[in-house]
C-alpha atoms as a PDB file:
ATOM      1  CA  UNK A   1       0.000   0.000   0.000  1.00  0.00           C
ATOM      2  CA  UNK A   2       1.603   3.218  -1.177  1.00  0.00           C
ATOM      3  CA  UNK A   3       0.149   5.452   1.559  1.00  0.00           C
ATOM      4  CA  UNK A   4       1.418   3.260   4.419  1.00  0.00           C
ATOM      5  CA  UNK A   5      -1.996   2.696   5.959  1.00  0.00           C
ATOM      6  CA  UNK A   6      -3.025  -0.820   6.945  1.00  0.00           C
ATOM      7  CA  UNK A   7      -6.154  -2.194   5.328  1.00  0.00           C
ATOM      8  CA  UNK A   8      -8.380  -5.224   5.536  1.00  0.00           C
ATOM      9  CA  UNK A   9     -10.404  -6.596   2.648  1.00  0.00           C
ATOM     10  CA  UNK A  10     -13.591  -8.443   3.504  1.00  0.00           C
ATOM     11  CA  UNK A  11     -15.464 -10.826   1.203  1.00  0.00           C
ATOM     12  CA  UNK A  12     -19.196 -11.458   1.407  1.00  0.00           C
ATOM     13  CA  UNK A  13     -22.053 -13.343  -0.221  1.00  0.00           C
ATOM     14  CA  UNK A  14     -23.969 -10.905  -2.423  1.00  0.00           C
ATOM     15  CA  UNK A  15     -26.704 -13.512  -2.940  1.00  0.00           C
ATOM     16  CA  UNK A  16     -27.466 -13.136   0.792  1.00  0.00           C
ATOM     17  CA  UNK A  17     -27.409  -9.341   0.685  1.00  0.00           C
ATOM     18  CA  UNK A  18     -23.680  -8.836   1.162  1.00  0.00           C
ATOM     19  CA  UNK A  19     -21.975  -5.680  -0.144  1.00  0.00           C
ATOM     20  CA  UNK A  20     -19.372  -7.574  -2.193  1.00  0.00           C
ATOM     21  CA  UNK A  21     -15.772  -6.620  -1.356  1.00  0.00           C
ATOM     22  CA  UNK A  22     -15.451  -4.252   1.608  1.00  0.00           C
ATOM     23  CA  UNK A  23     -12.279  -2.243   2.243  1.00  0.00           C
ATOM     24  CA  UNK A  24     -11.580  -1.208   5.850  1.00  0.00           C
ATOM     25  CA  UNK A  25      -8.769   0.691   7.523  1.00  0.00           C
ATOM     26  CA  UNK A  26      -7.002  -1.124  10.383  1.00  0.00           C
ATOM     27  CA  UNK A  27      -5.982   0.796  13.500  1.00  0.00           C
ATOM     28  CA  UNK A  28      -2.526  -0.610  14.349  1.00  0.00           C
ATOM     29  CA  UNK A  29      -2.918   0.077  18.068  1.00  0.00           C
ATOM     30  CA  UNK A  30      -6.374  -1.331  18.757  1.00  0.00           C
ATOM     31  CA  UNK A  31      -6.944  -3.561  15.752  1.00  0.00           C
ATOM     32  CA  UNK A  32     -10.212  -1.714  15.119  1.00  0.00           C
ATOM     33  CA  UNK A  33     -11.692  -1.645  11.622  1.00  0.00           C
ATOM     34  CA  UNK A  34     -13.249   1.373   9.900  1.00  0.00           C
ATOM     35  CA  UNK A  35     -15.145   0.799   6.650  1.00  0.00           C
ATOM     36  CA  UNK A  36     -13.794   2.822   3.704  1.00  0.00           C
ATOM     37  CA  UNK A  37     -15.714   1.439   0.715  1.00  0.00           C
ATOM     38  CA  UNK A  38     -17.530  -1.483  -0.845  1.00  0.00           C
ATOM     39  CA  UNK A  39     -17.532  -2.865  -4.368  1.00  0.00           C
ATOM     40  CA  UNK A  40     -19.982  -5.196  -6.118  1.00  0.00           C
ATOM     41  CA  UNK A  41     -18.101  -6.289  -9.221  1.00  0.00           C
ATOM     42  CA  UNK A  42     -18.619 -10.076  -9.183  1.00  0.00           C
ATOM     43  CA  UNK A  43     -21.290 -12.125  -7.388  1.00  0.00           C
ATOM     44  CA  UNK A  44     -20.390 -13.841  -4.117  1.00  0.00           C
ATOM     45  CA  UNK A  45     -16.707 -12.873  -3.694  1.00  0.00           C
ATOM     46  CA  UNK A  46     -16.445 -15.298  -0.792  1.00  0.00           C
ATOM     47  CA  UNK A  47     -12.659 -15.608  -0.574  1.00  0.00           C
ATOM     48  CA  UNK A  48      -9.898 -13.055  -1.176  1.00  0.00           C
ATOM     49  CA  UNK A  49      -6.097 -13.138  -1.360  1.00  0.00           C
ATOM     50  CA  UNK A  50      -3.503 -10.392  -1.755  1.00  0.00           C
ATOM     51  CA  UNK A  51      -0.493 -10.483  -4.043  1.00  0.00           C
ATOM     52  CA  UNK A  52       2.868 -10.515  -2.286  1.00  0.00           C
ATOM     53  CA  UNK A  53       3.444  -6.847  -3.161  1.00  0.00           C
ATOM     54  CA  UNK A  54      -0.019  -5.983  -1.739  1.00  0.00           C
ATOM     55  CA  UNK A  55      -0.884  -4.034  -4.866  1.00  0.00           C
ATOM     56  CA  UNK A  56      -3.347  -6.551  -6.325  1.00  0.00           C
ATOM     57  CA  UNK A  57      -6.268  -8.350  -4.717  1.00  0.00           C
ATOM     58  CA  UNK A  58      -7.743 -11.567  -6.089  1.00  0.00           C
ATOM     59  CA  UNK A  59     -11.283 -12.795  -5.460  1.00  0.00           C
ATOM     60  CA  UNK A  60     -13.206 -15.927  -6.288  1.00  0.00           C
ATOM     61  CA  UNK A  61     -16.821 -15.697  -7.381  1.00  0.00           C
ATOM     62  CA  UNK A  62     -18.447 -18.627  -5.595  1.00  0.00           C
ATOM     63  CA  UNK A  63     -21.150 -19.380  -8.143  1.00  0.00           C
ATOM     64  CA  UNK A  64     -22.088 -22.480 -10.124  1.00  0.00           C
ATOM     65  CA  UNK A  65     -20.036 -21.180 -13.067  1.00  0.00           C
ATOM     66  CA  UNK A  66     -17.159 -19.948 -10.895  1.00  0.00           C
ATOM     67  CA  UNK A  67     -14.638 -17.247 -11.754  1.00  0.00           C
ATOM     68  CA  UNK A  68     -11.591 -15.483 -10.321  1.00  0.00           C
ATOM     69  CA  UNK A  69     -10.961 -11.740 -10.680  1.00  0.00           C
ATOM     70  CA  UNK A  70      -8.106  -9.296 -10.014  1.00  0.00           C
ATOM     71  CA  UNK A  71      -8.337  -5.784  -8.524  1.00  0.00           C
ATOM     72  CA  UNK A  72      -5.914  -2.884  -8.034  1.00  0.00           C
ATOM     73  CA  UNK A  73      -5.883  -1.768  -4.409  1.00  0.00           C
ATOM     74  CA  UNK A  74      -3.715   1.365  -4.390  1.00  0.00           C
ATOM     75  CA  UNK A  75      -6.621   3.533  -3.185  1.00  0.00           C
ATOM     76  CA  UNK A  76      -9.485   3.142  -0.759  1.00  0.00           C
ATOM     77  CA  UNK A  77     -11.648   1.233  -3.247  1.00  0.00           C
ATOM     78  CA  UNK A  78     -10.498  -1.728  -5.364  1.00  0.00           C
ATOM     79  CA  UNK A  79     -10.530  -1.206  -9.128  1.00  0.00           C
ATOM     80  CA  UNK A  80     -11.072  -4.151 -11.507  1.00  0.00           C
ATOM     81  CA  UNK A  81      -7.947  -5.196 -13.411  1.00  0.00           C
ATOM     82  CA  UNK A  82      -9.370  -7.072 -16.376  1.00  0.00           C
ATOM     83  CA  UNK A  83     -12.276  -9.431 -16.809  1.00  0.00           C
ATOM     84  CA  UNK A  84     -13.071 -12.359 -14.485  1.00  0.00           C
ATOM     85  CA  UNK A  85     -11.620 -15.701 -15.622  1.00  0.00           C
ATOM     86  CA  UNK A  86     -13.703 -18.926 -15.544  1.00  0.00           C
ATOM     87  CA  UNK A  87     -12.289 -21.568 -13.178  1.00  0.00           C
ATOM     88  CA  UNK A  88     -15.064 -24.130 -12.664  1.00  0.00           C
ATOM     89  CA  UNK A  89     -17.942 -24.743 -10.315  1.00  0.00           C
ATOM     90  CA  UNK A  90     -18.150 -23.203  -6.863  1.00  0.00           C
ATOM     91  CA  UNK A  91     -14.644 -21.943  -6.020  1.00  0.00           C
ATOM     92  CA  UNK A  92     -14.251 -21.478  -2.246  1.00  0.00           C
ATOM     93  CA  UNK A  93     -10.562 -20.593  -1.847  1.00  0.00           C
ATOM     94  CA  UNK A  94      -7.603 -19.208  -3.765  1.00  0.00           C
ATOM     95  CA  UNK A  95      -3.898 -18.553  -3.288  1.00  0.00           C
ATOM     96  CA  UNK A  96      -0.818 -17.544  -5.260  1.00  0.00           C
ATOM     97  CA  UNK A  97       1.742 -20.141  -6.293  1.00  0.00           C
ATOM     98  CA  UNK A  98       4.588 -20.075  -8.814  1.00  0.00           C
ATOM     99  CA  UNK A  99       3.251 -17.169 -10.849  1.00  0.00           C
ATOM    100  CA  UNK A 100      -0.311 -18.441 -10.874  1.00  0.00           C
ATOM    101  CA  UNK A 101      -3.526 -18.008  -8.938  1.00  0.00           C
ATOM    102  CA  UNK A 102      -4.842 -21.373  -7.793  1.00  0.00           C
ATOM    103  CA  UNK A 103      -8.520 -21.858  -6.951  1.00  0.00           C
ATOM    104  CA  UNK A 104     -10.086 -24.711  -4.991  1.00  0.00           C
ATOM    105  CA  UNK A 105     -13.428 -25.495  -6.588  1.00  0.00           C
ATOM    106  CA  UNK A 106     -15.767 -27.121  -4.084  1.00  0.00           C
ATOM    107  CA  UNK A 107     -18.628 -27.728  -6.495  1.00  0.00           C
ATOM    108  CA  UNK A 108     -16.617 -29.438  -9.221  1.00  0.00           C
ATOM    109  CA  UNK A 109     -14.020 -31.043  -6.949  1.00  0.00           C
ATOM    110  CA  UNK A 110     -11.052 -29.574  -8.788  1.00  0.00           C
ATOM    111  CA  UNK A 111      -8.153 -27.127  -8.535  1.00  0.00           C
ATOM    112  CA  UNK A 112      -7.555 -24.589 -11.312  1.00  0.00           C
ATOM    113  CA  UNK A 113      -4.391 -22.657 -12.197  1.00  0.00           C
ATOM    114  CA  UNK A 114      -4.615 -19.213 -13.852  1.00  0.00           C
ATOM    115  CA  UNK A 115      -1.379 -17.468 -14.929  1.00  0.00           C
ATOM    116  CA  UNK A 116      -0.628 -14.049 -13.434  1.00  0.00           C
ATOM    117  CA  UNK A 117       0.803 -11.426 -15.785  1.00  0.00           C
ATOM    118  CA  UNK A 118       3.777  -9.253 -14.734  1.00  0.00           C
ATOM    119  CA  UNK A 119       1.424  -6.365 -13.876  1.00  0.00           C
ATOM    120  CA  UNK A 120      -0.631  -8.586 -11.550  1.00  0.00           C
ATOM    121  CA  UNK A 121      -3.599  -9.005 -13.886  1.00  0.00           C
ATOM    122  CA  UNK A 122      -4.792 -12.446 -14.925  1.00  0.00           C
ATOM    123  CA  UNK A 123      -4.391 -14.291 -18.209  1.00  0.00           C
ATOM    124  CA  UNK A 124      -7.580 -14.683 -20.205  1.00  0.00           C
ATOM    125  CA  UNK A 125      -7.984 -18.360 -19.414  1.00  0.00           C
ATOM    126  CA  UNK A 126      -6.790 -21.084 -17.061  1.00  0.00           C
ATOM    127  CA  UNK A 127      -3.612 -22.979 -17.871  1.00  0.00           C
ATOM    128  CA  UNK A 128      -4.490 -26.157 -16.025  1.00  0.00           C
ATOM    129  CA  UNK A 129      -7.203 -27.995 -14.071  1.00  0.00           C
ATOM    130  CA  UNK A 130      -6.565 -30.895 -11.711  1.00  0.00           C
ATOM    131  CA  UNK A 131      -9.737 -32.894 -11.098  1.00  0.00           C
ATOM    132  CA  UNK A 132      -9.990 -34.757  -7.808  1.00  0.00           C
ATOM    133  CA  UNK A 133     -11.567 -38.209  -7.611  1.00  0.00           C
ATOM    134  CA  UNK A 134     -12.969 -40.260  -4.771  1.00  0.00           C
ATOM    135  CA  UNK A 135     -15.651 -40.130  -2.081  1.00  0.00           C
ATOM    136  CA  UNK A 136     -16.141 -40.599   1.660  1.00  0.00           C
ATOM    137  CA  UNK A 137     -18.522 -42.357   4.061  1.00  0.00           C
ATOM    138  CA  UNK A 138     -20.489 -39.276   5.143  1.00  0.00           C
ATOM    139  CA  UNK A 139     -23.798 -39.000   3.266  1.00  0.00           C
ATOM    140  CA  UNK A 140     -24.616 -36.675   1.565  1.00  0.00           C
ATOM    141  CA  UNK A 141     -21.524 -34.461   2.067  1.00  0.00           C
ATOM    142  CA  UNK A 142     -19.012 -36.956   0.674  1.00  0.00           C
ATOM    143  CA  UNK A 143     -20.618 -38.459  -2.392  1.00  0.00           C
ATOM    144  CA  UNK A 144     -17.804 -37.010  -4.484  1.00  0.00           C
ATOM    145  CA  UNK A 145     -14.728 -34.764  -4.266  1.00  0.00           C
ATOM    146  CA  UNK A 146     -15.052 -31.258  -2.815  1.00  0.00           C
ATOM    147  CA  UNK A 147     -11.796 -29.289  -2.970  1.00  0.00           C
ATOM    148  CA  UNK A 148     -12.137 -26.675  -0.228  1.00  0.00           C
ATOM    149  CA  UNK A 149      -8.698 -25.058   0.005  1.00  0.00           C
ATOM    150  CA  UNK A 150      -5.444 -24.840  -1.924  1.00  0.00           C
ATOM    151  CA  UNK A 151      -2.230 -23.104  -0.845  1.00  0.00           C
ATOM    152  CA  UNK A 152       1.549 -23.251  -1.233  1.00  0.00           C
ATOM    153  CA  UNK A 153       3.685 -24.881   1.431  1.00  0.00           C
ATOM    154  CA  UNK A 154       6.228 -22.676   3.277  1.00  0.00           C
ATOM    155  CA  UNK A 155       9.071 -23.787   1.012  1.00  0.00           C
ATOM    156  CA  UNK A 156       7.201 -22.652  -2.093  1.00  0.00           C
ATOM    157  CA  UNK A 157       7.923 -25.953  -3.809  1.00  0.00           C
ATOM    158  CA  UNK A 158       4.503 -27.534  -3.440  1.00  0.00           C
ATOM    159  CA  UNK A 159       0.818 -26.681  -3.545  1.00  0.00           C
ATOM    160  CA  UNK A 160      -1.470 -28.608  -1.196  1.00  0.00           C
ATOM    161  CA  UNK A 161      -5.214 -28.967  -1.717  1.00  0.00           C
ATOM    162  CA  UNK A 162      -7.605 -30.056   1.028  1.00  0.00           C
ATOM    163  CA  UNK A 163     -10.629 -32.096  -0.078  1.00  0.00           C
ATOM    164  CA  UNK A 164     -13.615 -32.419   2.235  1.00  0.00           C
ATOM    165  CA  UNK A 165     -15.323 -35.018   0.052  1.00  0.00           C
ATOM    166  CA  UNK A 166     -12.454 -37.497  -0.176  1.00  0.00           C
ATOM    167  CA  UNK A 167     -10.949 -37.121   3.331  1.00  0.00           C
ATOM    168  CA  UNK A 168      -7.557 -36.364   1.865  1.00  0.00           C
ATOM    169  CA  UNK A 169      -4.880 -33.778   1.141  1.00  0.00           C
ATOM    170  CA  UNK A 170      -3.208 -33.696  -2.256  1.00  0.00           C
ATOM    171  CA  UNK A 171       0.337 -32.478  -2.859  1.00  0.00           C
ATOM    172  CA  UNK A 172       0.799 -30.956  -6.318  1.00  0.00           C
ATOM    173  CA  UNK A 173       3.324 -29.226  -8.527  1.00  0.00           C
ATOM    174  CA  UNK A 174       3.042 -26.962 -11.567  1.00  0.00           C
ATOM    175  CA  UNK A 175       4.649 -28.080 -14.815  1.00  0.00           C
ATOM    176  CA  UNK A 176       4.339 -25.608 -17.706  1.00  0.00           C
ATOM    177  CA  UNK A 177       1.195 -24.176 -16.137  1.00  0.00           C
ATOM    178  CA  UNK A 178      -0.421 -27.586 -15.628  1.00  0.00           C
ATOM    179  CA  UNK A 179      -1.172 -28.910 -12.155  1.00  0.00           C
ATOM    180  CA  UNK A 180       0.340 -32.328 -11.585  1.00  0.00           C
ATOM    181  CA  UNK A 181      -0.598 -34.598  -8.671  1.00  0.00           C
ATOM    182  CA  UNK A 182       2.487 -35.765  -6.795  1.00  0.00           C
ATOM    183  CA  UNK A 183       1.033 -37.501  -3.749  1.00  0.00           C
ATOM    184  CA  UNK A 184      -2.289 -37.923  -1.914  1.00  0.00           C
ATOM    185  CA  UNK A 185      -2.474 -38.331   1.879  1.00  0.00           C
ATOM    186  CA  UNK A 186      -5.516 -40.059   3.364  1.00  0.00           C
ATOM    187  CA  UNK A 187      -6.978 -38.705   6.604  1.00  0.00           C
ATOM    188  CA  UNK A 188      -9.505 -40.405   8.888  1.00  0.00           C
ATOM    189  CA  UNK A 189     -12.599 -41.494   6.911  1.00  0.00           C
ATOM    190  CA  UNK A 190     -15.559 -39.220   7.557  1.00  0.00           C
ATOM    191  CA  UNK A 191     -13.490 -36.436   9.130  1.00  0.00           C
ATOM    192  CA  UNK A 192     -14.204 -33.992   6.301  1.00  0.00           C
ATOM    193  CA  UNK A 193     -10.979 -31.940   6.139  1.00  0.00           C
ATOM    194  CA  UNK A 194     -11.697 -28.302   5.258  1.00  0.00           C
ATOM    195  CA  UNK A 195      -8.604 -26.097   5.681  1.00  0.00           C
ATOM    196  CA  UNK A 196      -4.919 -26.539   6.503  1.00  0.00           C
ATOM    197  CA  UNK A 197      -2.501 -24.178   8.255  1.00  0.00           C
ATOM    198  CA  UNK A 198       1.272 -24.667   8.311  1.00  0.00           C
ATOM    199  CA  UNK A 199       3.311 -24.127  11.440  1.00  0.00           C
ATOM    200  CA  UNK A 200       6.022 -21.485  11.363  1.00  0.00           C
ATOM    201  CA  UNK A 201       8.702 -24.188  11.612  1.00  0.00           C
ATOM    202  CA  UNK A 202       7.750 -25.404   8.138  1.00  0.00           C
ATOM    203  CA  UNK A 203       7.763 -28.977   9.414  1.00  0.00           C
ATOM    204  CA  UNK A 204       4.201 -29.351  10.717  1.00  0.00           C
ATOM    205  CA  UNK A 205       0.695 -28.672   9.481  1.00  0.00           C
ATOM    206  CA  UNK A 206      -2.736 -28.617  11.084  1.00  0.00           C
ATOM    207  CA  UNK A 207      -5.898 -29.692   9.257  1.00  0.00           C
ATOM    208  CA  UNK A 208      -9.250 -28.559  10.646  1.00  0.00           C
ATOM    209  CA  UNK A 209     -12.019 -31.091  10.046  1.00  0.00           C
ATOM    210  CA  UNK A 210     -15.542 -29.870   9.299  1.00  0.00           C
ATOM    211  CA  UNK A 211     -17.485 -33.115   9.716  1.00  0.00           C
ATOM    212  CA  UNK A 212     -15.772 -34.146  12.962  1.00  0.00           C
ATOM    213  CA  UNK A 213     -14.890 -31.109  15.136  1.00  0.00           C
ATOM    214  CA  UNK A 214     -11.168 -31.690  15.421  1.00  0.00           C
ATOM    215  CA  UNK A 215      -7.718 -30.787  14.138  1.00  0.00           C
ATOM    216  CA  UNK A 216      -5.405 -33.373  12.613  1.00  0.00           C
ATOM    217  CA  UNK A 217      -1.742 -32.721  13.436  1.00  0.00           C
ATOM    218  CA  UNK A 218       0.613 -33.674  10.605  1.00  0.00           C
ATOM    219  CA  UNK A 219       4.345 -33.760  10.014  1.00  0.00           C
ATOM    220  CA  UNK A 220       5.408 -32.060   6.759  1.00  0.00           C
ATOM    221  CA  UNK A 221       8.517 -33.020   4.806  1.00  0.00           C
ATOM    222  CA  UNK A 222       9.136 -30.274   2.268  1.00  0.00           C
ATOM    223  CA  UNK A 223      12.077 -32.096   0.712  1.00  0.00           C
ATOM    224  CA  UNK A 224       9.989 -35.117  -0.227  1.00  0.00           C
ATOM    225  CA  UNK A 225       6.548 -33.491  -0.370  1.00  0.00           C
ATOM    226  CA  UNK A 226       5.181 -35.899   2.233  1.00  0.00           C
ATOM    227  CA  UNK A 227       2.387 -35.108   4.698  1.00  0.00           C
ATOM    228  CA  UNK A 228       2.131 -37.601   7.588  1.00  0.00           C
ATOM    229  CA  UNK A 229      -0.875 -37.545   9.973  1.00  0.00           C
ATOM    230  CA  UNK A 230       0.180 -37.924  13.614  1.00  0.00           C
ATOM    231  CA  UNK A 231      -2.795 -37.288  15.906  1.00  0.00           C
ATOM    232  CA  UNK A 232      -6.256 -35.726  16.125  1.00  0.00           C
ATOM    233  CA  UNK A 233      -7.352 -33.198  18.770  1.00  0.00           C
ATOM    234  CA  UNK A 234     -10.972 -32.141  19.499  1.00  0.00           C
ATOM    235  CA  UNK A 235     -11.684 -28.415  19.189  1.00  0.00           C
ATOM    236  CA  UNK A 236     -14.632 -28.502  21.613  1.00  0.00           C
ATOM    237  CA  UNK A 237     -14.462 -29.371  25.329  1.00  0.00           C
ATOM    238  CA  UNK A 238     -17.482 -31.729  25.268  1.00  0.00           C
ATOM    239  CA  UNK A 239     -19.764 -33.499  22.870  1.00  0.00           C
ATOM    240  CA  UNK A 240     -20.559 -31.139  19.987  1.00  0.00           C
ATOM    241  CA  UNK A 241     -24.053 -29.944  19.209  1.00  0.00           C
ATOM    242  CA  UNK A 242     -25.888 -31.491  16.281  1.00  0.00           C
ATOM    243  CA  UNK A 243     -24.843 -28.630  14.014  1.00  0.00           C
ATOM    244  CA  UNK A 244     -21.193 -27.932  14.860  1.00  0.00           C
ATOM    245  CA  UNK A 245     -19.035 -27.324  11.826  1.00  0.00           C
ATOM    246  CA  UNK A 246     -15.441 -26.075  12.164  1.00  0.00           C
ATOM    247  CA  UNK A 247     -14.393 -23.619   9.461  1.00  0.00           C
ATOM    248  CA  UNK A 248     -11.259 -21.483   9.747  1.00  0.00           C
ATOM    249  CA  UNK A 249      -7.840 -22.263  11.208  1.00  0.00           C
ATOM    250  CA  UNK A 250      -4.781 -20.030  11.737  1.00  0.00           C
ATOM    251  CA  UNK A 251      -1.513 -20.315  13.648  1.00  0.00           C
ATOM    252  CA  UNK A 252      -0.078 -17.600  15.877  1.00  0.00           C
ATOM    253  CA  UNK A 253       2.960 -15.720  14.503  1.00  0.00           C
ATOM    254  CA  UNK A 254       5.142 -17.100  17.314  1.00  0.00           C
ATOM    255  CA  UNK A 255       4.008 -20.666  16.610  1.00  0.00           C
ATOM    256  CA  UNK A 256       2.742 -21.280  20.164  1.00  0.00           C
ATOM    257  CA  UNK A 257      -0.980 -21.442  19.424  1.00  0.00           C
ATOM    258  CA  UNK A 258      -3.513 -22.592  16.857  1.00  0.00           C
ATOM    259  CA  UNK A 259      -6.968 -21.001  16.640  1.00  0.00           C
ATOM    260  CA  UNK A 260     -10.039 -22.493  15.007  1.00  0.00           C
ATOM    261  CA  UNK A 261     -13.629 -21.325  14.531  1.00  0.00           C
ATOM    262  CA  UNK A 262     -16.687 -23.574  14.829  1.00  0.00           C
ATOM    263  CA  UNK A 263     -20.048 -22.655  13.346  1.00  0.00           C
ATOM    264  CA  UNK A 264     -23.186 -23.684  15.213  1.00  0.00           C
ATOM    265  CA  UNK A 265     -21.324 -23.666  18.516  1.00  0.00           C
ATOM    266  CA  UNK A 266     -20.187 -20.129  17.512  1.00  0.00           C
ATOM    267  CA  UNK A 267     -16.869 -20.370  19.329  1.00  0.00           C
ATOM    268  CA  UNK A 268     -13.183 -19.824  18.781  1.00  0.00           C
ATOM    269  CA  UNK A 269     -10.943 -22.571  20.125  1.00  0.00           C
ATOM    270  CA  UNK A 270      -7.485 -21.912  21.531  1.00  0.00           C
ATOM    271  CA  UNK A 271      -5.077 -24.825  21.105  1.00  0.00           C
ATOM    272  CA  UNK A 272      -1.558 -24.809  22.550  1.00  0.00           C
ATOM    273  CA  UNK A 273       1.255 -26.321  20.493  1.00  0.00           C
ATOM    274  CA  UNK A 274       3.122 -28.911  22.558  1.00  0.00           C
ATOM    275  CA  UNK A 275       5.752 -30.519  20.390  1.00  0.00           C
ATOM    276  CA  UNK A 276       3.949 -32.672  17.863  1.00  0.00           C
ATOM    277  CA  UNK A 277       0.643 -32.460  19.741  1.00  0.00           C
ATOM    278  CA  UNK A 278      -2.074 -29.887  20.382  1.00  0.00           C
ATOM    279  CA  UNK A 279      -3.871 -29.247  23.674  1.00  0.00           C
ATOM    280  CA  UNK A 280      -7.251 -27.541  23.845  1.00  0.00           C
ATOM    281  CA  UNK A 281      -6.857 -24.572  26.226  1.00  0.00           C
ATOM    282  CA  UNK A 282     -10.314 -23.025  26.096  1.00  0.00           C
ATOM    283  CA  UNK A 283     -13.070 -21.725  23.859  1.00  0.00           C
ATOM    284  CA  UNK A 284     -14.509 -18.188  23.661  1.00  0.00           C
ATOM    285  CA  UNK A 285     -17.558 -16.824  21.876  1.00  0.00           C
ATOM    286  CA  UNK A 286     -16.857 -15.703  18.306  1.00  0.00           C
ATOM    287  CA  UNK A 287     -18.655 -12.360  18.750  1.00  0.00           C
ATOM    288  CA  UNK A 288     -21.435 -13.226  16.305  1.00  0.00           C
ATOM    289  CA  UNK A 289     -23.131 -16.143  14.582  1.00  0.00           C
ATOM    290  CA  UNK A 290     -21.695 -18.686  12.132  1.00  0.00           C
ATOM    291  CA  UNK A 291     -17.958 -17.796  12.049  1.00  0.00           C
ATOM    292  CA  UNK A 292     -16.820 -18.710   8.561  1.00  0.00           C
ATOM    293  CA  UNK A 293     -13.190 -17.560   8.475  1.00  0.00           C
ATOM    294  CA  UNK A 294     -10.313 -16.283  10.617  1.00  0.00           C
ATOM    295  CA  UNK A 295      -7.337 -13.994  10.039  1.00  0.00           C
ATOM    296  CA  UNK A 296      -4.510 -13.161  12.446  1.00  0.00           C
ATOM    297  CA  UNK A 297      -1.971 -10.311  12.502  1.00  0.00           C
ATOM    298  CA  UNK A 298       0.047  -8.261  15.011  1.00  0.00           C
ATOM    299  CA  UNK A 299      -1.623  -9.603  18.154  1.00  0.00           C
ATOM    300  CA  UNK A 300      -5.161  -9.432  16.791  1.00  0.00           C
ATOM    301  CA  UNK A 301      -7.604 -12.032  15.532  1.00  0.00           C
ATOM    302  CA  UNK A 302     -10.391 -11.233  13.047  1.00  0.00           C
ATOM    303  CA  UNK A 303     -13.542 -13.298  12.562  1.00  0.00           C
ATOM    304  CA  UNK A 304     -15.981 -13.098   9.651  1.00  0.00           C
ATOM    305  CA  UNK A 305     -19.377 -14.034  11.146  1.00  0.00           C
ATOM    306  CA  UNK A 306     -21.539 -14.901   8.165  1.00  0.00           C
ATOM    307  CA  UNK A 307     -25.072 -15.192   9.572  1.00  0.00           C
ATOM    308  CA  UNK A 308     -24.902 -12.320  12.069  1.00  0.00           C
ATOM    309  CA  UNK A 309     -23.318 -10.186   9.334  1.00  0.00           C
ATOM    310  CA  UNK A 310     -20.289  -8.729  11.069  1.00  0.00           C
ATOM    311  CA  UNK A 311     -16.511  -8.863  11.353  1.00  0.00           C
ATOM    312  CA  UNK A 312     -15.311  -8.964  14.953  1.00  0.00           C
ATOM    313  CA  UNK A 313     -11.778  -8.265  16.142  1.00  0.00           C
ATOM    314  CA  UNK A 314     -10.070  -9.661  19.230  1.00  0.00           C
ATOM    315  CA  UNK A 315      -6.889  -8.721  21.068  1.00  0.00           C
ATOM    316  CA  UNK A 316      -4.903 -11.868  21.833  1.00  0.00           C
ATOM    317  CA  UNK A 317      -3.206 -12.377  25.192  1.00  0.00           C
ATOM    318  CA  UNK A 318       0.417 -13.121  24.205  1.00  0.00           C
ATOM    319  CA  UNK A 319       0.948 -15.468  27.162  1.00  0.00           C
ATOM    320  CA  UNK A 320      -2.236 -17.543  27.077  1.00  0.00           C
ATOM    321  CA  UNK A 321      -3.308 -17.130  23.461  1.00  0.00           C
ATOM    322  CA  UNK A 322      -6.845 -16.327  24.619  1.00  0.00           C
ATOM    323  CA  UNK A 323      -8.674 -13.720  22.470  1.00  0.00           C
ATOM    324  CA  UNK A 324     -10.540 -10.814  24.088  1.00  0.00           C
ATOM    325  CA  UNK A 325     -13.274  -9.127  22.054  1.00  0.00           C
ATOM    326  CA  UNK A 326     -12.466  -5.589  20.948  1.00  0.00           C
ATOM    327  CA  UNK A 327     -15.351  -4.606  18.663  1.00  0.00           C
ATOM    328  CA  UNK A 328     -17.013  -5.246  15.313  1.00  0.00           C
ATOM    329  CA  UNK A 329     -18.218  -3.694  12.084  1.00  0.00           C
ATOM    330  CA  UNK A 330     -21.341  -4.543  10.131  1.00  0.00           C
ATOM    331  CA  UNK A 331     -20.770  -6.563   6.934  1.00  0.00           C
ATOM    332  CA  UNK A 332     -23.813  -8.525   5.799  1.00  0.00           C
ATOM    333  CA  UNK A 333     -23.030 -12.164   4.931  1.00  0.00           C
ATOM    334  CA  UNK A 334     -19.317 -11.719   5.720  1.00  0.00           C
ATOM    335  CA  UNK A 335     -17.240 -14.657   4.505  1.00  0.00           C
ATOM    336  CA  UNK A 336     -13.511 -13.884   4.849  1.00  0.00           C
ATOM    337  CA  UNK A 337     -10.909 -11.300   5.875  1.00  0.00           C
ATOM    338  CA  UNK A 338      -7.628 -10.622   4.032  1.00  0.00           C
ATOM    339  CA  UNK A 339      -5.173  -8.391   5.889  1.00  0.00           C
ATOM    340  CA  UNK A 340      -2.742  -6.102   4.064  1.00  0.00           C
END
């Protein structure tokens, strides 16, 4: 950002009345958000990601057709940088990897690669699509593949995609713009893995499971591209309610804690990292209803509460990792927060 101010970009579901992409200023001392603008350029921009130089913002359009779009973010309101690019049905996540934007397409069970031009805009079409195969025991959520997240590993050598429908994580590479499957790691059947967060040591990863409220701790070998499940830790202190669906997961910058959000229960879980295990410390209320995504930065935690239509910020106790609510802004059908 050329003016030095910190900003947050918030995605929302326009089909549920959301304002599209909201830009907010971040107060560095309190973590408080102040809305600057909103933009409705594509329907349902449910997930956002910033380029490494923070000059371009990318958004999926989570529709049956599915697209990804690029925006310039030098000012207080994003400006479209070219036309949206088709990526396949129902994209729910995107990230940048090896000069491409990758999208995880929940509806079609695939991952799509779109080349990024030198100016940050997108090529006119995708360069590769990797279609997942398989199913799981949970009916009806696992009748086929549902890619929910894709991201690079800390080494930048691999892209990993998390598939809720097949109870697995795929390790991929890019060869001449085409996604190539290198290895698939099976997780517990019926767990429904949703998102993965790497530890700061680059040697461990944590997978939050949507269909079984838990986190799977894994060892990660970046040299060989091997993900090895080690253990599974519940994210709730007792038996979950009938509708308890974990969503987001982030690690603390110092690597001491992992935070998750659980919809239905409407809580944030604090998990302490203890070697190759996690320990549930406590849970706190998410500040709204149906927390869909988390973001963490500079001692603050941000929660996009979809059904209550707000983004809540928390100050995190550096010793205990426990978040304390600071405030919130109104964003109807909020779905994610990307911090610049």
